[in-house]
Structures are given as structure tokens and as C-alpha cells.
Amino acid sequence: MEDEQYHKVKGKEVMLSGPTGTNVYMAPECFAKEYRGPPTDIWSSGMVLLFMLIGKRSWRIAKE
């Protein structure tokens, strides 16, 4: 699950070649550029659901 996989550049649709999306919803393996299919999507869905239920992020973004 990603926010955007395609972006428009000068009117043309271009597929991105790196991790995209909102960091707080991305599965940890996405930061290592290792997409693992459905488990990664389930993580992201769970993070979005948790945000919808409690109305805030479950934790802060790491600085390191």
C-alpha cells in the first residue's frame, strides 16, 4: 500500500523506482528497499487502521 506509485513529470506519467509513501505507514522492510508482498501491505493497512481508531500516530519517527 502506497500513497503514490506514479507521478506526472511534465505531463507524462512516470513510475517511481524507490520506496514511496508516507513514512509512518510504511513497513520497516520498505526502508531497506525490500518489498515482501502482502505482509508489507498488511502492515501498512494496520498502521492506517490504527491511526483511524486512535486519531494519532502510534509512535514518533526515529531520528536515526
PDB file of N, CA and C in Angstrom:
ATOM      1  N   MET A   1       0.858  -1.166   0.000  1.00  0.00           N
ATOM      2  CA  MET A   1       0.000   0.000   0.000  1.00  0.00           C
ATOM      3  C   MET A   1       0.898   1.220   0.000  1.00  0.00           C
ATOM      4  N   GLU A   2       0.716   2.026  -0.965  1.00  0.00           N
ATOM      5  CA  GLU A   2       1.490   3.244  -1.055  1.00  0.00           C
ATOM      6  C   GLU A   2       0.571   4.395  -1.407  1.00  0.00           C
ATOM      7  N   ASP A   3       0.999   5.593  -1.033  1.00  0.00           N
ATOM      8  CA  ASP A   3       0.227   6.779  -1.384  1.00  0.00           C
ATOM      9  C   ASP A   3       0.257   7.004  -2.889  1.00  0.00           C
ATOM     10  N   GLU A   4       1.424   6.942  -3.445  1.00  0.00           N
ATOM     11  CA  GLU A   4       1.610   7.233  -4.865  1.00  0.00           C
ATOM     12  C   GLU A   4       2.663   6.292  -5.416  1.00  0.00           C
ATOM     13  N   GLN A   5       2.391   5.689  -6.537  1.00  0.00           N
ATOM     14  CA  GLN A   5       3.412   4.889  -7.199  1.00  0.00           C
ATOM     15  C   GLN A   5       3.819   5.553  -8.511  1.00  0.00           C
ATOM     16  N   TYR A   6       2.900   6.323  -9.050  1.00  0.00           N
ATOM     17  CA  TYR A   6       3.169   7.029 -10.295  1.00  0.00           C
ATOM     18  C   TYR A   6       3.079   8.528 -10.049  1.00  0.00           C
ATOM     19  N   HIS A   7       3.930   9.258 -10.681  1.00  0.00           N
ATOM     20  CA  HIS A   7       3.889  10.717 -10.611  1.00  0.00           C
ATOM     21  C   HIS A   7       3.903  11.260 -12.024  1.00  0.00           C
ATOM     22  N   LYS A   8       3.373  12.441 -12.193  1.00  0.00           N
ATOM     23  CA  LYS A   8       3.411  13.069 -13.511  1.00  0.00           C
ATOM     24  C   LYS A   8       4.581  14.036 -13.568  1.00  0.00           C
ATOM     25  N   VAL A   9       5.384  13.881 -14.583  1.00  0.00           N
ATOM     26  CA  VAL A   9       6.519  14.757 -14.821  1.00  0.00           C
ATOM     27  C   VAL A   9       6.332  15.368 -16.198  1.00  0.00           C
ATOM     28  N   LYS A  10       6.146  16.677 -16.234  1.00  0.00           N
ATOM     29  CA  LYS A  10       5.904  17.392 -17.490  1.00  0.00           C
ATOM     30  C   LYS A  10       4.786  16.744 -18.300  1.00  0.00           C
ATOM     31  N   GLY A  11       3.708  16.363 -17.605  1.00  0.00           N
ATOM     32  CA  GLY A  11       2.529  15.827 -18.279  1.00  0.00           C
ATOM     33  C   GLY A  11       2.593  14.346 -18.591  1.00  0.00           C
ATOM     34  N   LYS A  12       3.743  13.697 -18.343  1.00  0.00           N
ATOM     35  CA  LYS A  12       3.868  12.261 -18.612  1.00  0.00           C
ATOM     36  C   LYS A  12       3.865  11.497 -17.302  1.00  0.00           C
ATOM     37  N   GLU A  13       3.196  10.328 -17.289  1.00  0.00           N
ATOM     38  CA  GLU A  13       3.152   9.510 -16.096  1.00  0.00           C
ATOM     39  C   GLU A  13       4.440   8.699 -15.998  1.00  0.00           C
ATOM     40  N   VAL A  14       5.105   8.768 -14.841  1.00  0.00           N
ATOM     41  CA  VAL A  14       6.385   8.100 -14.640  1.00  0.00           C
ATOM     42  C   VAL A  14       6.291   7.232 -13.397  1.00  0.00           C
ATOM     43  N   MET A  15       6.729   5.959 -13.504  1.00  0.00           N
ATOM     44  CA  MET A  15       6.746   5.083 -12.340  1.00  0.00           C
ATOM     45  C   MET A  15       8.010   5.356 -11.534  1.00  0.00           C
ATOM     46  N   LEU A  16       7.853   5.476 -10.218  1.00  0.00           N
ATOM     47  CA  LEU A  16       8.993   5.746  -9.355  1.00  0.00           C
ATOM     48  C   LEU A  16       9.793   4.471  -9.132  1.00  0.00           C
ATOM     49  N   SER A  17      11.080   4.611  -8.878  1.00  0.00           N
ATOM     50  CA  SER A  17      11.934   3.434  -8.735  1.00  0.00           C
ATOM     51  C   SER A  17      12.474   3.265  -7.324  1.00  0.00           C
ATOM     52  N   GLY A  18      11.843   3.830  -6.356  1.00  0.00           N
ATOM     53  CA  GLY A  18      12.284   3.694  -4.981  1.00  0.00           C
ATOM     54  C   GLY A  18      11.087   3.648  -4.065  1.00  0.00           C
ATOM     55  N   PRO A  19      11.336   3.522  -2.777  1.00  0.00           N
ATOM     56  CA  PRO A  19      10.215   3.491  -1.846  1.00  0.00           C
ATOM     57  C   PRO A  19       9.462   4.811  -1.860  1.00  0.00           C
ATOM     58  N   THR A  20       8.164   4.724  -1.898  1.00  0.00           N
ATOM     59  CA  THR A  20       7.331   5.919  -1.867  1.00  0.00           C
ATOM     60  C   THR A  20       6.258   5.724  -0.821  1.00  0.00           C
ATOM     61  N   GLY A  21       5.663   6.792  -0.412  1.00  0.00           N
ATOM     62  CA  GLY A  21       4.589   6.693   0.560  1.00  0.00           C
ATOM     63  C   GLY A  21       4.897   7.537   1.778  1.00  0.00           C
ATOM     64  N   THR A  22       4.029   7.461   2.740  1.00  0.00           N
ATOM     65  CA  THR A  22       4.188   8.199   3.984  1.00  0.00           C
ATOM     66  C   THR A  22       4.961   7.331   4.960  1.00  0.00           C
ATOM     67  N   ASN A  23       6.093   7.809   5.424  1.00  0.00           N
ATOM     68  CA  ASN A  23       6.994   7.006   6.258  1.00  0.00           C
ATOM     69  C   ASN A  23       6.316   6.341   7.444  1.00  0.00           C
ATOM     70  N   VAL A  24       5.398   7.027   8.106  1.00  0.00           N
ATOM     71  CA  VAL A  24       4.792   6.459   9.310  1.00  0.00           C
ATOM     72  C   VAL A  24       3.894   5.264   9.018  1.00  0.00           C
ATOM     73  N   TYR A  25       3.499   5.075   7.782  1.00  0.00           N
ATOM     74  CA  TYR A  25       2.645   3.944   7.427  1.00  0.00           C
ATOM     75  C   TYR A  25       3.416   2.816   6.744  1.00  0.00           C
ATOM     76  N   MET A  26       4.672   3.059   6.387  1.00  0.00           N
ATOM     77  CA  MET A  26       5.456   2.066   5.656  1.00  0.00           C
ATOM     78  C   MET A  26       6.000   0.993   6.590  1.00  0.00           C
ATOM     79  N   ALA A  27       6.004  -0.255   6.121  1.00  0.00           N
ATOM     80  CA  ALA A  27       6.583  -1.362   6.875  1.00  0.00           C
ATOM     81  C   ALA A  27       8.095  -1.162   6.982  1.00  0.00           C
ATOM     82  N   PRO A  28       8.713  -1.628   8.066  1.00  0.00           N
ATOM     83  CA  PRO A  28      10.153  -1.425   8.249  1.00  0.00           C
ATOM     84  C   PRO A  28      11.004  -1.917   7.080  1.00  0.00           C
ATOM     85  N   GLU A  29      10.636  -3.043   6.475  1.00  0.00           N
ATOM     86  CA  GLU A  29      11.450  -3.572   5.377  1.00  0.00           C
ATOM     87  C   GLU A  29      11.462  -2.660   4.151  1.00  0.00           C
ATOM     88  N   CYS A  30      10.478  -1.782   4.033  1.00  0.00           N
ATOM     89  CA  CYS A  30      10.453  -0.842   2.906  1.00  0.00           C
ATOM     90  C   CYS A  30      11.623   0.129   2.962  1.00  0.00           C
ATOM     91  N   PHE A  31      12.101   0.434   4.159  1.00  0.00           N
ATOM     92  CA  PHE A  31      13.237   1.340   4.293  1.00  0.00           C
ATOM     93  C   PHE A  31      14.532   0.678   3.843  1.00  0.00           C
ATOM     94  N   ALA A  32      14.551  -0.652   3.851  1.00  0.00           N
ATOM     95  CA  ALA A  32      15.710  -1.409   3.356  1.00  0.00           C
ATOM     96  C   ALA A  32      15.512  -1.774   1.888  1.00  0.00           C
ATOM     97  N   LYS A  33      14.479  -1.192   1.269  1.00  0.00           N
ATOM     98  CA  LYS A  33      14.140  -1.435  -0.139  1.00  0.00           C
ATOM     99  C   LYS A  33      13.845  -2.908  -0.404  1.00  0.00           C
ATOM    100  N   GLU A  34      13.158  -3.561   0.559  1.00  0.00           N
ATOM    101  CA  GLU A  34      12.788  -4.964   0.423  1.00  0.00           C
ATOM    102  C   GLU A  34      11.275  -5.109   0.543  1.00  0.00           C
ATOM    103  N   TYR A  35      10.578  -4.977  -0.569  1.00  0.00           N
ATOM    104  CA  TYR A  35       9.130  -5.179  -0.550  1.00  0.00           C
ATOM    105  C   TYR A  35       8.866  -6.671  -0.506  1.00  0.00           C
ATOM    106  N   ARG A  36       8.057  -7.140   0.435  1.00  0.00           N
ATOM    107  CA  ARG A  36       7.810  -8.573   0.602  1.00  0.00           C
ATOM    108  C   ARG A  36       6.366  -8.963   0.325  1.00  0.00           C
ATOM    109  N   GLY A  37       5.710  -8.215  -0.503  1.00  0.00           N
ATOM    110  CA  GLY A  37       4.362  -8.582  -0.918  1.00  0.00           C
ATOM    111  C   GLY A  37       3.300  -8.314   0.129  1.00  0.00           C
ATOM    112  N   PRO A  38       2.309  -9.206   0.225  1.00  0.00           N
ATOM    113  CA  PRO A  38       1.161  -8.981   1.112  1.00  0.00           C
ATOM    114  C   PRO A  38       1.495  -8.656   2.566  1.00  0.00           C
ATOM    115  N   PRO A  39       2.501  -9.286   3.202  1.00  0.00           N
ATOM    116  CA  PRO A  39       2.782  -8.896   4.591  1.00  0.00           C
ATOM    117  C   PRO A  39       3.109  -7.408   4.739  1.00  0.00           C
ATOM    118  N   THR A  40       3.794  -6.850   3.764  1.00  0.00           N
ATOM    119  CA  THR A  40       4.113  -5.421   3.787  1.00  0.00           C
ATOM    120  C   THR A  40       2.842  -4.589   3.678  1.00  0.00           C
ATOM    121  N   ASP A  41       1.931  -5.015   2.810  1.00  0.00           N
ATOM    122  CA  ASP A  41       0.660  -4.302   2.641  1.00  0.00           C
ATOM    123  C   ASP A  41      -0.203  -4.409   3.891  1.00  0.00           C
ATOM    124  N   ILE A  42      -0.164  -5.573   4.553  1.00  0.00           N
ATOM    125  CA  ILE A  42      -0.940  -5.762   5.786  1.00  0.00           C
ATOM    126  C   ILE A  42      -0.422  -4.823   6.874  1.00  0.00           C
ATOM    127  N   TRP A  43       0.891  -4.692   6.988  1.00  0.00           N
ATOM    128  CA  TRP A  43       1.482  -3.753   7.962  1.00  0.00           C
ATOM    129  C   TRP A  43       0.952  -2.347   7.716  1.00  0.00           C
ATOM    130  N   SER A  44       1.039  -1.898   6.473  1.00  0.00           N
ATOM    131  CA  SER A  44       0.604  -0.539   6.134  1.00  0.00           C
ATOM    132  C   SER A  44      -0.877  -0.345   6.414  1.00  0.00           C
ATOM    133  N   SER A  45      -1.681  -1.342   6.071  1.00  0.00           N
ATOM    134  CA  SER A  45      -3.125  -1.268   6.333  1.00  0.00           C
ATOM    135  C   SER A  45      -3.395  -1.175   7.824  1.00  0.00           C
ATOM    136  N   GLY A  46      -2.650  -1.946   8.607  1.00  0.00           N
ATOM    137  CA  GLY A  46      -2.804  -1.911  10.058  1.00  0.00           C
ATOM    138  C   GLY A  46      -2.442  -0.556  10.640  1.00  0.00           C
ATOM    139  N   MET A  47      -1.396   0.056  10.102  1.00  0.00           N
ATOM    140  CA  MET A  47      -0.993   1.374  10.588  1.00  0.00           C
ATOM    141  C   MET A  47      -2.054   2.427  10.272  1.00  0.00           C
ATOM    142  N   VAL A  48      -2.638   2.338   9.080  1.00  0.00           N
ATOM    143  CA  VAL A  48      -3.710   3.272   8.710  1.00  0.00           C
ATOM    144  C   VAL A  48      -4.926   3.046   9.602  1.00  0.00           C
ATOM    145  N   LEU A  49      -5.293   1.783   9.830  1.00  0.00           N
ATOM    146  CA  LEU A  49      -6.438   1.460  10.691  1.00  0.00           C
ATOM    147  C   LEU A  49      -6.203   1.965  12.113  1.00  0.00           C
ATOM    148  N   LEU A  50      -5.005   1.738  12.635  1.00  0.00           N
ATOM    149  CA  LEU A  50      -4.688   2.209  13.982  1.00  0.00           C
ATOM    150  C   LEU A  50      -4.817   3.728  14.073  1.00  0.00           C
ATOM    151  N   PHE A  51      -4.327   4.433  13.060  1.00  0.00           N
ATOM    152  CA  PHE A  51      -4.453   5.893  13.034  1.00  0.00           C
ATOM    153  C   PHE A  51      -5.921   6.307  13.029  1.00  0.00           C
ATOM    154  N   MET A  52      -6.742   5.588  12.259  1.00  0.00           N
ATOM    155  CA  MET A  52      -8.174   5.914  12.194  1.00  0.00           C
ATOM    156  C   MET A  52      -8.853   5.668  13.538  1.00  0.00           C
ATOM    157  N   LEU A  53      -8.427   4.634  14.258  1.00  0.00           N
ATOM    158  CA  LEU A  53      -9.058   4.295  15.539  1.00  0.00           C
ATOM    159  C   LEU A  53      -8.659   5.239  16.667  1.00  0.00           C
ATOM    160  N   ILE A  54      -7.369   5.554  16.769  1.00  0.00           N
ATOM    161  CA  ILE A  54      -6.919   6.366  17.901  1.00  0.00           C
ATOM    162  C   ILE A  54      -6.710   7.838  17.547  1.00  0.00           C
ATOM    163  N   GLY A  55      -6.717   8.158  16.258  1.00  0.00           N
ATOM    164  CA  GLY A  55      -6.628   9.550  15.834  1.00  0.00           C
ATOM    165  C   GLY A  55      -5.250  10.174  15.901  1.00  0.00           C
ATOM    166  N   LYS A  56      -4.227   9.353  16.102  1.00  0.00           N
ATOM    167  CA  LYS A  56      -2.855   9.864  16.092  1.00  0.00           C
ATOM    168  C   LYS A  56      -1.909   8.727  15.715  1.00  0.00           C
ATOM    169  N   ARG A  57      -0.685   9.092  15.414  1.00  0.00           N
ATOM    170  CA  ARG A  57       0.311   8.080  15.075  1.00  0.00           C
ATOM    171  C   ARG A  57       0.647   7.265  16.311  1.00  0.00           C
ATOM    172  N   SER A  58       0.968   6.003  16.099  1.00  0.00           N
ATOM    173  CA  SER A  58       1.236   5.135  17.240  1.00  0.00           C
ATOM    174  C   SER A  58       2.596   5.405  17.877  1.00  0.00           C
ATOM    175  N   TRP A  59       3.556   5.932  17.107  1.00  0.00           N
ATOM    176  CA  TRP A  59       4.848   6.315  17.651  1.00  0.00           C
ATOM    177  C   TRP A  59       5.493   7.362  16.760  1.00  0.00           C
ATOM    178  N   ARG A  60       6.543   7.966  17.263  1.00  0.00           N
ATOM    179  CA  ARG A  60       7.234   9.009  16.507  1.00  0.00           C
ATOM    180  C   ARG A  60       8.191   8.393  15.498  1.00  0.00           C
ATOM    181  N   ILE A  61       8.566   9.185  14.527  1.00  0.00           N
ATOM    182  CA  ILE A  61       9.544   8.747  13.538  1.00  0.00           C
ATOM    183  C   ILE A  61      10.928   8.801  14.177  1.00  0.00           C
ATOM    184  N   ALA A  62      11.719   7.750  13.980  1.00  0.00           N
ATOM    185  CA  ALA A  62      13.071   7.702  14.532  1.00  0.00           C
ATOM    186  C   ALA A  62      13.949   8.766  13.885  1.00  0.00           C
ATOM    187  N   LYS A  63      14.822   9.323  14.654  1.00  0.00           N
ATOM    188  CA  LYS A  63      15.741  10.340  14.140  1.00  0.00           C
ATOM    189  C   LYS A  63      16.958   9.703  13.479  1.00  0.00           C
ATOM    190  N   GLU A  64      17.292   8.469  13.852  1.00  0.00           N
ATOM    191  CA  GLU A  64      18.483   7.793  13.313  1.00  0.00           C
ATOM    192  C   GLU A  64      18.091   6.557  12.546  1.00  0.00           C
TER     193      GLU A  64
END
